[in-house]
């Protein structure tokens, strides 16, 4: 199954809801890592997930910037 790494702020609930609905019936796996606990450095784990994904989508939502 193809996968898409989705990057966004954990505070943009409306964007998370949009992606949940968009991928609900799709034959694609959405990879989101917003709340995970990491055993290794988060940057190493995230980069590995990006490398393995078939596509990457980054959303600059209203809560992306502090």
C-alpha atoms as a PDB file:
ATOM      1  CA  UNK A   1       0.000   0.000   0.000  1.00  0.00           C
ATOM      2  CA  UNK A   2       1.437   3.426  -0.903  1.00  0.00           C
ATOM      3  CA  UNK A   3       2.136   5.759   1.993  1.00  0.00           C
ATOM      4  CA  UNK A   4       2.136   9.522   2.425  1.00  0.00           C
ATOM      5  CA  UNK A   5       4.019  11.212   5.248  1.00  0.00           C
ATOM      6  CA  UNK A   6       1.818  14.079   6.485  1.00  0.00           C
ATOM      7  CA  UNK A   7       3.508  16.874   8.404  1.00  0.00           C
ATOM      8  CA  UNK A   8       1.543  19.540  10.274  1.00  0.00           C
ATOM      9  CA  UNK A   9       1.252  21.185  13.673  1.00  0.00           C
ATOM     10  CA  UNK A  10      -0.340  19.021  16.345  1.00  0.00           C
ATOM     11  CA  UNK A  11      -2.388  22.095  17.282  1.00  0.00           C
ATOM     12  CA  UNK A  12      -4.164  22.334  13.910  1.00  0.00           C
ATOM     13  CA  UNK A  13      -7.087  20.043  14.719  1.00  0.00           C
ATOM     14  CA  UNK A  14      -9.008  21.060  11.602  1.00  0.00           C
ATOM     15  CA  UNK A  15      -6.108  20.008   9.373  1.00  0.00           C
ATOM     16  CA  UNK A  16      -5.791  16.656  11.179  1.00  0.00           C
ATOM     17  CA  UNK A  17      -9.549  16.107  10.743  1.00  0.00           C
ATOM     18  CA  UNK A  18      -9.287  16.962   7.035  1.00  0.00           C
ATOM     19  CA  UNK A  19      -6.545  14.366   6.511  1.00  0.00           C
ATOM     20  CA  UNK A  20      -8.408  11.750   8.552  1.00  0.00           C
ATOM     21  CA  UNK A  21     -11.443  12.168   6.299  1.00  0.00           C
ATOM     22  CA  UNK A  22      -9.396  12.363   3.097  1.00  0.00           C
ATOM     23  CA  UNK A  23      -7.570   9.104   3.776  1.00  0.00           C
ATOM     24  CA  UNK A  24     -10.480   7.218   5.391  1.00  0.00           C
ATOM     25  CA  UNK A  25     -11.576   5.508   2.177  1.00  0.00           C
ATOM     26  CA  UNK A  26      -8.347   5.782   0.222  1.00  0.00           C
ATOM     27  CA  UNK A  27      -5.995   2.954  -0.627  1.00  0.00           C
ATOM     28  CA  UNK A  28      -3.106   4.875   0.885  1.00  0.00           C
ATOM     29  CA  UNK A  29      -1.542   4.820   4.330  1.00  0.00           C
ATOM     30  CA  UNK A  30      -1.144   8.218   6.006  1.00  0.00           C
ATOM     31  CA  UNK A  31       1.842   8.455   8.327  1.00  0.00           C
ATOM     32  CA  UNK A  32       1.511  11.054  11.097  1.00  0.00           C
ATOM     33  CA  UNK A  33       3.890  11.222  14.033  1.00  0.00           C
ATOM     34  CA  UNK A  34       2.560  14.046  16.130  1.00  0.00           C
ATOM     35  CA  UNK A  35       2.070  12.429  19.552  1.00  0.00           C
ATOM     36  CA  UNK A  36       4.425   9.466  19.586  1.00  0.00           C
ATOM     37  CA  UNK A  37       6.992   8.705  22.253  1.00  0.00           C
ATOM     38  CA  UNK A  38      10.327   8.000  20.596  1.00  0.00           C
ATOM     39  CA  UNK A  39      12.866   5.393  21.725  1.00  0.00           C
ATOM     40  CA  UNK A  40      15.510   7.002  19.510  1.00  0.00           C
ATOM     41  CA  UNK A  41      16.097  10.609  18.543  1.00  0.00           C
ATOM     42  CA  UNK A  42      12.833  11.946  17.059  1.00  0.00           C
ATOM     43  CA  UNK A  43      14.663  13.497  14.125  1.00  0.00           C
ATOM     44  CA  UNK A  44      16.223  10.157  13.159  1.00  0.00           C
ATOM     45  CA  UNK A  45      12.880   8.356  13.364  1.00  0.00           C
ATOM     46  CA  UNK A  46      11.007  11.059  11.437  1.00  0.00           C
ATOM     47  CA  UNK A  47      13.634  11.160   8.680  1.00  0.00           C
ATOM     48  CA  UNK A  48      13.406   7.374   8.319  1.00  0.00           C
ATOM     49  CA  UNK A  49       9.614   7.576   7.964  1.00  0.00           C
ATOM     50  CA  UNK A  50       9.968  10.351   5.356  1.00  0.00           C
ATOM     51  CA  UNK A  51      12.537   8.261   3.461  1.00  0.00           C
ATOM     52  CA  UNK A  52      10.231   5.225   3.416  1.00  0.00           C
ATOM     53  CA  UNK A  53       7.119   7.164   2.332  1.00  0.00           C
ATOM     54  CA  UNK A  54       6.065   7.279  -1.302  1.00  0.00           C
ATOM     55  CA  UNK A  55       5.142  10.966  -0.956  1.00  0.00           C
ATOM     56  CA  UNK A  56       5.425  13.778   1.589  1.00  0.00           C
ATOM     57  CA  UNK A  57       2.812  16.443   2.240  1.00  0.00           C
ATOM     58  CA  UNK A  58       3.605  19.375   4.519  1.00  0.00           C
ATOM     59  CA  UNK A  59       0.873  21.732   5.680  1.00  0.00           C
ATOM     60  CA  UNK A  60       1.667  25.199   6.995  1.00  0.00           C
ATOM     61  CA  UNK A  61      -1.566  25.693   8.916  1.00  0.00           C
ATOM     62  CA  UNK A  62      -2.494  28.706  11.039  1.00  0.00           C
ATOM     63  CA  UNK A  63      -0.945  27.212  14.170  1.00  0.00           C
ATOM     64  CA  UNK A  64       2.287  26.082  12.508  1.00  0.00           C
ATOM     65  CA  UNK A  65       4.108  29.248  13.486  1.00  0.00           C
ATOM     66  CA  UNK A  66       4.464  30.058  17.201  1.00  0.00           C
END
